[in-house]
Amino acid sequence: MEGFSDAWGAWETYWHLPTPENREACRDSLSPETIRDFQYLQGADASLVLPDGYTLDIAYMSRPEFVQMCSLILFQLPYLFRWNQYLIW
C-alpha cells in the first residue's frame, strides 16, 4: 500500500483478509522489543534515548485489553484515512 513501509506487511494482509491467524501475525509489531527497537531506537543514538518513554509504552501495551484495542484501531486505519478514496478524487 502506498505510503506504508514493508514493516506494515502483516497489517496490510490483515486489512485485506481479517482472519484470526492474520491478526495473530500482527502481534509481533506490538511486542516490547518492537516498541523499543523500532519506534524509539531505530535511526537514533541509543545512548541519547532515555528509557522512560519506551518503558512506559511497553507497560501500557502489556495490558491484554490494550493490545486488543490497538488491533481494532489498526484494523480500521485504512478506512479512517480513506486511502482508497484518494484514487477516486
PDB file of N, CA and C in Angstrom:
ATOM      1  N   MET A   1       0.852  -1.169   0.000  1.00  0.00           N
ATOM      2  CA  MET A   1       0.000   0.000   0.000  1.00  0.00           C
ATOM      3  C   MET A   1       0.898   1.233   0.000  1.00  0.00           C
ATOM      4  N   GLU A   2       0.538   2.185  -0.795  1.00  0.00           N
ATOM      5  CA  GLU A   2       1.344   3.385  -0.944  1.00  0.00           C
ATOM      6  C   GLU A   2       1.443   4.140   0.375  1.00  0.00           C
ATOM      7  N   GLY A   3       2.650   4.566   0.697  1.00  0.00           N
ATOM      8  CA  GLY A   3       2.876   5.355   1.901  1.00  0.00           C
ATOM      9  C   GLY A   3       3.233   4.532   3.126  1.00  0.00           C
ATOM     10  N   PHE A   4       3.147   3.230   3.041  1.00  0.00           N
ATOM     11  CA  PHE A   4       3.473   2.364   4.167  1.00  0.00           C
ATOM     12  C   PHE A   4       4.738   1.571   3.837  1.00  0.00           C
ATOM     13  N   SER A   5       5.634   1.438   4.809  1.00  0.00           N
ATOM     14  CA  SER A   5       6.860   0.670   4.593  1.00  0.00           C
ATOM     15  C   SER A   5       6.550  -0.819   4.649  1.00  0.00           C
ATOM     16  N   ASP A   6       7.554  -1.623   4.339  1.00  0.00           N
ATOM     17  CA  ASP A   6       7.397  -3.080   4.384  1.00  0.00           C
ATOM     18  C   ASP A   6       7.073  -3.578   5.790  1.00  0.00           C
ATOM     19  N   ALA A   7       7.408  -2.791   6.798  1.00  0.00           N
ATOM     20  CA  ALA A   7       7.131  -3.182   8.179  1.00  0.00           C
ATOM     21  C   ALA A   7       5.627  -3.348   8.428  1.00  0.00           C
ATOM     22  N   TRP A   8       4.804  -2.748   7.579  1.00  0.00           N
ATOM     23  CA  TRP A   8       3.353  -2.841   7.719  1.00  0.00           C
ATOM     24  C   TRP A   8       2.767  -4.036   6.971  1.00  0.00           C
ATOM     25  N   GLY A   9       3.619  -4.898   6.407  1.00  0.00           N
ATOM     26  CA  GLY A   9       3.156  -6.018   5.583  1.00  0.00           C
ATOM     27  C   GLY A   9       2.130  -6.907   6.253  1.00  0.00           C
ATOM     28  N   ALA A  10       2.384  -7.296   7.495  1.00  0.00           N
ATOM     29  CA  ALA A  10       1.432  -8.163   8.211  1.00  0.00           C
ATOM     30  C   ALA A  10       0.096  -7.451   8.408  1.00  0.00           C
ATOM     31  N   TRP A  11       0.159  -6.156   8.701  1.00  0.00           N
ATOM     32  CA  TRP A  11      -1.078  -5.398   8.889  1.00  0.00           C
ATOM     33  C   TRP A  11      -1.844  -5.255   7.575  1.00  0.00           C
ATOM     34  N   GLU A  12      -1.124  -5.034   6.504  1.00  0.00           N
ATOM     35  CA  GLU A  12      -1.793  -4.919   5.209  1.00  0.00           C
ATOM     36  C   GLU A  12      -2.512  -6.216   4.858  1.00  0.00           C
ATOM     37  N   THR A  13      -1.883  -7.341   5.134  1.00  0.00           N
ATOM     38  CA  THR A  13      -2.530  -8.636   4.911  1.00  0.00           C
ATOM     39  C   THR A  13      -3.787  -8.737   5.766  1.00  0.00           C
ATOM     40  N   TYR A  14      -3.675  -8.328   7.012  1.00  0.00           N
ATOM     41  CA  TYR A  14      -4.814  -8.365   7.934  1.00  0.00           C
ATOM     42  C   TYR A  14      -5.937  -7.443   7.465  1.00  0.00           C
ATOM     43  N   TRP A  15      -5.597  -6.271   6.922  1.00  0.00           N
ATOM     44  CA  TRP A  15      -6.617  -5.344   6.436  1.00  0.00           C
ATOM     45  C   TRP A  15      -7.418  -5.947   5.292  1.00  0.00           C
ATOM     46  N   HIS A  16      -6.728  -6.708   4.448  1.00  0.00           N
ATOM     47  CA  HIS A  16      -7.405  -7.294   3.289  1.00  0.00           C
ATOM     48  C   HIS A  16      -8.088  -8.623   3.613  1.00  0.00           C
ATOM     49  N   LEU A  17      -7.573  -9.325   4.618  1.00  0.00           N
ATOM     50  CA  LEU A  17      -8.134 -10.621   4.989  1.00  0.00           C
ATOM     51  C   LEU A  17      -8.084 -10.756   6.516  1.00  0.00           C
ATOM     52  N   PRO A  18      -9.101 -10.202   7.206  1.00  0.00           N
ATOM     53  CA  PRO A  18      -9.066 -10.130   8.672  1.00  0.00           C
ATOM     54  C   PRO A  18      -9.411 -11.456   9.367  1.00  0.00           C
ATOM     55  N   THR A  19      -8.502 -12.408   9.277  1.00  0.00           N
ATOM     56  CA  THR A  19      -8.697 -13.694   9.945  1.00  0.00           C
ATOM     57  C   THR A  19      -7.988 -13.678  11.297  1.00  0.00           C
ATOM     58  N   PRO A  20      -8.371 -14.562  12.199  1.00  0.00           N
ATOM     59  CA  PRO A  20      -7.649 -14.650  13.480  1.00  0.00           C
ATOM     60  C   PRO A  20      -6.158 -14.942  13.287  1.00  0.00           C
ATOM     61  N   GLU A  21      -5.822 -15.741  12.276  1.00  0.00           N
ATOM     62  CA  GLU A  21      -4.427 -16.066  12.018  1.00  0.00           C
ATOM     63  C   GLU A  21      -3.647 -14.814  11.585  1.00  0.00           C
ATOM     64  N   ASN A  22      -4.247 -14.013  10.725  1.00  0.00           N
ATOM     65  CA  ASN A  22      -3.576 -12.792  10.277  1.00  0.00           C
ATOM     66  C   ASN A  22      -3.466 -11.770  11.398  1.00  0.00           C
ATOM     67  N   ARG A  23      -4.460 -11.730  12.274  1.00  0.00           N
ATOM     68  CA  ARG A  23      -4.376 -10.828  13.426  1.00  0.00           C
ATOM     69  C   ARG A  23      -3.233 -11.258  14.338  1.00  0.00           C
ATOM     70  N   GLU A  24      -3.120 -12.555  14.551  1.00  0.00           N
ATOM     71  CA  GLU A  24      -2.049 -13.077  15.402  1.00  0.00           C
ATOM     72  C   GLU A  24      -0.675 -12.751  14.816  1.00  0.00           C
ATOM     73  N   ALA A  25      -0.564 -12.764  13.495  1.00  0.00           N
ATOM     74  CA  ALA A  25       0.706 -12.452  12.834  1.00  0.00           C
ATOM     75  C   ALA A  25       1.125 -11.004  13.081  1.00  0.00           C
ATOM     76  N   CYS A  26       0.187 -10.147  13.434  1.00  0.00           N
ATOM     77  CA  CYS A  26       0.484  -8.729  13.684  1.00  0.00           C
ATOM     78  C   CYS A  26       0.992  -8.472  15.091  1.00  0.00           C
ATOM     79  N   ARG A  27       0.817  -9.427  15.978  1.00  0.00           N
ATOM     80  CA  ARG A  27       1.176  -9.215  17.382  1.00  0.00           C
ATOM     81  C   ARG A  27       2.646  -8.849  17.576  1.00  0.00           C
ATOM     82  N   ASP A  28       3.525  -9.378  16.727  1.00  0.00           N
ATOM     83  CA  ASP A  28       4.946  -9.058  16.870  1.00  0.00           C
ATOM     84  C   ASP A  28       5.205  -7.561  16.761  1.00  0.00           C
ATOM     85  N   SER A  29       4.391  -6.878  15.973  1.00  0.00           N
ATOM     86  CA  SER A  29       4.600  -5.437  15.813  1.00  0.00           C
ATOM     87  C   SER A  29       4.204  -4.654  17.058  1.00  0.00           C
ATOM     88  N   LEU A  30       3.554  -5.323  17.997  1.00  0.00           N
ATOM     89  CA  LEU A  30       3.158  -4.672  19.250  1.00  0.00           C
ATOM     90  C   LEU A  30       3.972  -5.200  20.438  1.00  0.00           C
ATOM     91  N   SER A  31       5.048  -5.933  20.156  1.00  0.00           N
ATOM     92  CA  SER A  31       5.859  -6.531  21.225  1.00  0.00           C
ATOM     93  C   SER A  31       6.760  -5.480  21.884  1.00  0.00           C
ATOM     94  N   PRO A  32       7.216  -5.750  23.101  1.00  0.00           N
ATOM     95  CA  PRO A  32       8.129  -4.814  23.770  1.00  0.00           C
ATOM     96  C   PRO A  32       9.396  -4.530  22.964  1.00  0.00           C
ATOM     97  N   GLU A  33       9.936  -5.556  22.314  1.00  0.00           N
ATOM     98  CA  GLU A  33      11.152  -5.371  21.528  1.00  0.00           C
ATOM     99  C   GLU A  33      10.905  -4.433  20.351  1.00  0.00           C
ATOM    100  N   THR A  34       9.781  -4.596  19.683  1.00  0.00           N
ATOM    101  CA  THR A  34       9.463  -3.729  18.541  1.00  0.00           C
ATOM    102  C   THR A  34       9.231  -2.302  18.993  1.00  0.00           C
ATOM    103  N   ILE A  35       8.520  -2.145  20.101  1.00  0.00           N
ATOM    104  CA  ILE A  35       8.280  -0.802  20.623  1.00  0.00           C
ATOM    105  C   ILE A  35       9.611  -0.110  20.907  1.00  0.00           C
ATOM    106  N   ARG A  36      10.488  -0.789  21.619  1.00  0.00           N
ATOM    107  CA  ARG A  36      11.782  -0.193  21.979  1.00  0.00           C
ATOM    108  C   ARG A  36      12.678  -0.001  20.752  1.00  0.00           C
ATOM    109  N   ASP A  37      12.884  -1.075  20.014  1.00  0.00           N
ATOM    110  CA  ASP A  37      13.886  -1.043  18.946  1.00  0.00           C
ATOM    111  C   ASP A  37      13.431  -0.300  17.698  1.00  0.00           C
ATOM    112  N   PHE A  38      12.185  -0.479  17.308  1.00  0.00           N
ATOM    113  CA  PHE A  38      11.705   0.124  16.061  1.00  0.00           C
ATOM    114  C   PHE A  38      11.182   1.548  16.283  1.00  0.00           C
ATOM    115  N   GLN A  39      10.332   1.712  17.292  1.00  0.00           N
ATOM    116  CA  GLN A  39       9.699   3.015  17.488  1.00  0.00           C
ATOM    117  C   GLN A  39      10.620   4.041  18.147  1.00  0.00           C
ATOM    118  N   TYR A  40      11.528   3.580  18.983  1.00  0.00           N
ATOM    119  CA  TYR A  40      12.357   4.523  19.734  1.00  0.00           C
ATOM    120  C   TYR A  40      13.819   4.559  19.306  1.00  0.00           C
ATOM    121  N   LEU A  41      14.413   3.416  19.006  1.00  0.00           N
ATOM    122  CA  LEU A  41      15.854   3.373  18.790  1.00  0.00           C
ATOM    123  C   LEU A  41      16.282   3.340  17.330  1.00  0.00           C
ATOM    124  N   GLN A  42      15.398   2.992  16.434  1.00  0.00           N
ATOM    125  CA  GLN A  42      15.786   2.919  15.029  1.00  0.00           C
ATOM    126  C   GLN A  42      16.195   4.304  14.529  1.00  0.00           C
ATOM    127  N   GLY A  43      17.406   4.390  14.038  1.00  0.00           N
ATOM    128  CA  GLY A  43      17.912   5.646  13.497  1.00  0.00           C
ATOM    129  C   GLY A  43      18.375   6.635  14.548  1.00  0.00           C
ATOM    130  N   ALA A  44      18.367   6.236  15.797  1.00  0.00           N
ATOM    131  CA  ALA A  44      18.786   7.144  16.875  1.00  0.00           C
ATOM    132  C   ALA A  44      20.031   6.597  17.559  1.00  0.00           C
ATOM    133  N   ASP A  45      20.765   7.481  18.195  1.00  0.00           N
ATOM    134  CA  ASP A  45      21.881   7.067  19.033  1.00  0.00           C
ATOM    135  C   ASP A  45      21.274   6.564  20.343  1.00  0.00           C
ATOM    136  N   ALA A  46      21.356   5.258  20.580  1.00  0.00           N
ATOM    137  CA  ALA A  46      20.710   4.644  21.747  1.00  0.00           C
ATOM    138  C   ALA A  46      21.175   5.255  23.062  1.00  0.00           C
ATOM    139  N   SER A  47      22.396   5.764  23.102  1.00  0.00           N
ATOM    140  CA  SER A  47      22.900   6.360  24.344  1.00  0.00           C
ATOM    141  C   SER A  47      22.208   7.683  24.665  1.00  0.00           C
ATOM    142  N   LEU A  48      21.522   8.261  23.681  1.00  0.00           N
ATOM    143  CA  LEU A  48      20.829   9.531  23.897  1.00  0.00           C
ATOM    144  C   LEU A  48      19.330   9.365  24.150  1.00  0.00           C
ATOM    145  N   VAL A  49      18.843   8.132  24.067  1.00  0.00           N
ATOM    146  CA  VAL A  49      17.413   7.870  24.258  1.00  0.00           C
ATOM    147  C   VAL A  49      17.185   7.381  25.683  1.00  0.00           C
ATOM    148  N   LEU A  50      16.459   8.169  26.446  1.00  0.00           N
ATOM    149  CA  LEU A  50      16.136   7.767  27.813  1.00  0.00           C
ATOM    150  C   LEU A  50      15.100   6.644  27.772  1.00  0.00           C
ATOM    151  N   PRO A  51      15.192   5.690  28.672  1.00  0.00           N
ATOM    152  CA  PRO A  51      14.273   4.558  28.647  1.00  0.00           C
ATOM    153  C   PRO A  51      12.862   4.878  29.148  1.00  0.00           C
ATOM    154  N   ASP A  52      12.651   6.058  29.694  1.00  0.00           N
ATOM    155  CA  ASP A  52      11.357   6.397  30.281  1.00  0.00           C
ATOM    156  C   ASP A  52      10.211   6.231  29.290  1.00  0.00           C
ATOM    157  N   GLY A  53      10.369   6.779  28.090  1.00  0.00           N
ATOM    158  CA  GLY A  53       9.290   6.759  27.110  1.00  0.00           C
ATOM    159  C   GLY A  53       8.925   5.356  26.671  1.00  0.00           C
ATOM    160  N   TYR A  54       9.929   4.582  26.245  1.00  0.00           N
ATOM    161  CA  TYR A  54       9.591   3.253  25.762  1.00  0.00           C
ATOM    162  C   TYR A  54       9.196   2.313  26.895  1.00  0.00           C
ATOM    163  N   THR A  55       9.714   2.524  28.098  1.00  0.00           N
ATOM    164  CA  THR A  55       9.309   1.697  29.235  1.00  0.00           C
ATOM    165  C   THR A  55       7.839   1.924  29.558  1.00  0.00           C
ATOM    166  N   LEU A  56       7.407   3.171  29.515  1.00  0.00           N
ATOM    167  CA  LEU A  56       6.007   3.481  29.771  1.00  0.00           C
ATOM    168  C   LEU A  56       5.112   2.915  28.664  1.00  0.00           C
ATOM    169  N   ASP A  57       5.525   3.067  27.412  1.00  0.00           N
ATOM    170  CA  ASP A  57       4.756   2.496  26.308  1.00  0.00           C
ATOM    171  C   ASP A  57       4.640   0.983  26.435  1.00  0.00           C
ATOM    172  N   ILE A  58       5.742   0.334  26.778  1.00  0.00           N
ATOM    173  CA  ILE A  58       5.723  -1.123  26.951  1.00  0.00           C
ATOM    174  C   ILE A  58       4.784  -1.517  28.084  1.00  0.00           C
ATOM    175  N   ALA A  59       4.780  -0.752  29.167  1.00  0.00           N
ATOM    176  CA  ALA A  59       3.876  -1.044  30.287  1.00  0.00           C
ATOM    177  C   ALA A  59       2.417  -0.934  29.848  1.00  0.00           C
ATOM    178  N   TYR A  60       2.087   0.118  29.096  1.00  0.00           N
ATOM    179  CA  TYR A  60       0.720   0.261  28.593  1.00  0.00           C
ATOM    180  C   TYR A  60       0.352  -0.872  27.657  1.00  0.00           C
ATOM    181  N   MET A  61       1.276  -1.217  26.764  1.00  0.00           N
ATOM    182  CA  MET A  61       0.993  -2.248  25.772  1.00  0.00           C
ATOM    183  C   MET A  61       0.955  -3.645  26.364  1.00  0.00           C
ATOM    184  N   SER A  62       1.474  -3.824  27.554  1.00  0.00           N
ATOM    185  CA  SER A  62       1.481  -5.156  28.156  1.00  0.00           C
ATOM    186  C   SER A  62       0.111  -5.549  28.708  1.00  0.00           C
ATOM    187  N   ARG A  63      -0.805  -4.607  28.785  1.00  0.00           N
ATOM    188  CA  ARG A  63      -2.160  -4.926  29.234  1.00  0.00           C
ATOM    189  C   ARG A  63      -2.897  -5.632  28.091  1.00  0.00           C
ATOM    190  N   PRO A  64      -3.455  -6.828  28.330  1.00  0.00           N
ATOM    191  CA  PRO A  64      -4.098  -7.597  27.262  1.00  0.00           C
ATOM    192  C   PRO A  64      -5.202  -6.826  26.535  1.00  0.00           C
ATOM    193  N   GLU A  65      -5.988  -6.070  27.253  1.00  0.00           N
ATOM    194  CA  GLU A  65      -7.084  -5.346  26.609  1.00  0.00           C
ATOM    195  C   GLU A  65      -6.563  -4.234  25.694  1.00  0.00           C
ATOM    196  N   PHE A  66      -5.384  -3.703  26.001  1.00  0.00           N
ATOM    197  CA  PHE A  66      -4.835  -2.633  25.189  1.00  0.00           C
ATOM    198  C   PHE A  66      -4.349  -3.152  23.842  1.00  0.00           C
ATOM    199  N   VAL A  67      -3.731  -4.317  23.833  1.00  0.00           N
ATOM    200  CA  VAL A  67      -3.294  -4.919  22.577  1.00  0.00           C
ATOM    201  C   VAL A  67      -4.503  -5.198  21.694  1.00  0.00           C
ATOM    202  N   GLN A  68      -5.580  -5.701  22.284  1.00  0.00           N
ATOM    203  CA  GLN A  68      -6.804  -5.954  21.531  1.00  0.00           C
ATOM    204  C   GLN A  68      -7.369  -4.651  20.959  1.00  0.00           C
ATOM    205  N   MET A  69      -7.355  -3.593  21.770  1.00  0.00           N
ATOM    206  CA  MET A  69      -7.857  -2.301  21.334  1.00  0.00           C
ATOM    207  C   MET A  69      -7.011  -1.749  20.178  1.00  0.00           C
ATOM    208  N   CYS A  70      -5.690  -1.853  20.291  1.00  0.00           N
ATOM    209  CA  CYS A  70      -4.816  -1.384  19.217  1.00  0.00           C
ATOM    210  C   CYS A  70      -5.058  -2.164  17.935  1.00  0.00           C
ATOM    211  N   SER A  71      -5.273  -3.459  18.074  1.00  0.00           N
ATOM    212  CA  SER A  71      -5.556  -4.273  16.895  1.00  0.00           C
ATOM    213  C   SER A  71      -6.819  -3.788  16.191  1.00  0.00           C
ATOM    214  N   LEU A  72      -7.835  -3.457  16.966  1.00  0.00           N
ATOM    215  CA  LEU A  72      -9.080  -2.975  16.365  1.00  0.00           C
ATOM    216  C   LEU A  72      -8.891  -1.623  15.693  1.00  0.00           C
ATOM    217  N   ILE A  73      -8.149  -0.733  16.319  1.00  0.00           N
ATOM    218  CA  ILE A  73      -7.895   0.584  15.730  1.00  0.00           C
ATOM    219  C   ILE A  73      -7.058   0.444  14.464  1.00  0.00           C
ATOM    220  N   LEU A  74      -5.987  -0.337  14.547  1.00  0.00           N
ATOM    221  CA  LEU A  74      -5.116  -0.504  13.388  1.00  0.00           C
ATOM    222  C   LEU A  74      -5.830  -1.230  12.251  1.00  0.00           C
ATOM    223  N   PHE A  75      -6.788  -2.081  12.598  1.00  0.00           N
ATOM    224  CA  PHE A  75      -7.551  -2.751  11.550  1.00  0.00           C
ATOM    225  C   PHE A  75      -8.336  -1.732  10.729  1.00  0.00           C
ATOM    226  N   GLN A  76      -8.806  -0.693  11.387  1.00  0.00           N
ATOM    227  CA  GLN A  76      -9.628   0.302  10.702  1.00  0.00           C
ATOM    228  C   GLN A  76      -8.819   1.460  10.125  1.00  0.00           C
ATOM    229  N   LEU A  77      -7.511   1.432  10.275  1.00  0.00           N
ATOM    230  CA  LEU A  77      -6.665   2.528   9.807  1.00  0.00           C
ATOM    231  C   LEU A  77      -6.911   2.916   8.349  1.00  0.00           C
ATOM    232  N   PRO A  78      -6.953   1.969   7.416  1.00  0.00           N
ATOM    233  CA  PRO A  78      -7.188   2.385   6.022  1.00  0.00           C
ATOM    234  C   PRO A  78      -8.545   3.057   5.834  1.00  0.00           C
ATOM    235  N   TYR A  79      -9.519   2.647   6.628  1.00  0.00           N
ATOM    236  CA  TYR A  79     -10.854   3.227   6.493  1.00  0.00           C
ATOM    237  C   TYR A  79     -10.929   4.603   7.144  1.00  0.00           C
ATOM    238  N   LEU A  80     -10.172   4.774   8.220  1.00  0.00           N
ATOM    239  CA  LEU A  80     -10.150   6.075   8.874  1.00  0.00           C
ATOM    240  C   LEU A  80      -9.529   7.132   7.968  1.00  0.00           C
ATOM    241  N   PHE A  81      -8.497   6.753   7.251  1.00  0.00           N
ATOM    242  CA  PHE A  81      -7.828   7.689   6.352  1.00  0.00           C
ATOM    243  C   PHE A  81      -8.411   7.666   4.943  1.00  0.00           C
ATOM    244  N   ARG A  82      -9.322   6.738   4.717  1.00  0.00           N
ATOM    245  CA  ARG A  82      -9.981   6.613   3.405  1.00  0.00           C
ATOM    246  C   ARG A  82      -8.963   6.642   2.272  1.00  0.00           C
ATOM    247  N   TRP A  83      -7.899   5.847   2.447  1.00  0.00           N
ATOM    248  CA  TRP A  83      -6.816   5.838   1.463  1.00  0.00           C
ATOM    249  C   TRP A  83      -7.292   5.502   0.060  1.00  0.00           C
ATOM    250  N   ASN A  84      -8.287   4.653  -0.052  1.00  0.00           N
ATOM    251  CA  ASN A  84      -8.750   4.278  -1.387  1.00  0.00           C
ATOM    252  C   ASN A  84      -9.576   5.380  -2.048  1.00  0.00           C
ATOM    253  N   GLN A  85     -10.077   6.320  -1.291  1.00  0.00           N
ATOM    254  CA  GLN A  85     -10.859   7.420  -1.862  1.00  0.00           C
ATOM    255  C   GLN A  85      -9.959   8.401  -2.609  1.00  0.00           C
ATOM    256  N   TYR A  86      -8.691   8.479  -2.209  1.00  0.00           N
ATOM    257  CA  TYR A  86      -7.777   9.394  -2.897  1.00  0.00           C
ATOM    258  C   TYR A  86      -7.603   8.998  -4.365  1.00  0.00           C
ATOM    259  N   LEU A  87      -7.736   7.730  -4.648  1.00  0.00           N
ATOM    260  CA  LEU A  87      -7.619   7.270  -6.041  1.00  0.00           C
ATOM    261  C   LEU A  87      -8.776   7.790  -6.885  1.00  0.00           C
ATOM    262  N   ILE A  88      -9.937   7.948  -6.269  1.00  0.00           N
ATOM    263  CA  ILE A  88     -11.122   8.420  -6.986  1.00  0.00           C
ATOM    264  C   ILE A  88     -11.070   9.931  -7.178  1.00  0.00           C
ATOM    265  N   TRP A  89     -10.591  10.667  -6.163  1.00  0.00           N
ATOM    266  CA  TRP A  89     -10.571  12.122  -6.226  1.00  0.00           C
ATOM    267  C   TRP A  89      -9.577  12.545  -7.258  1.00  0.00           C
TER     268      TRP A  89
END
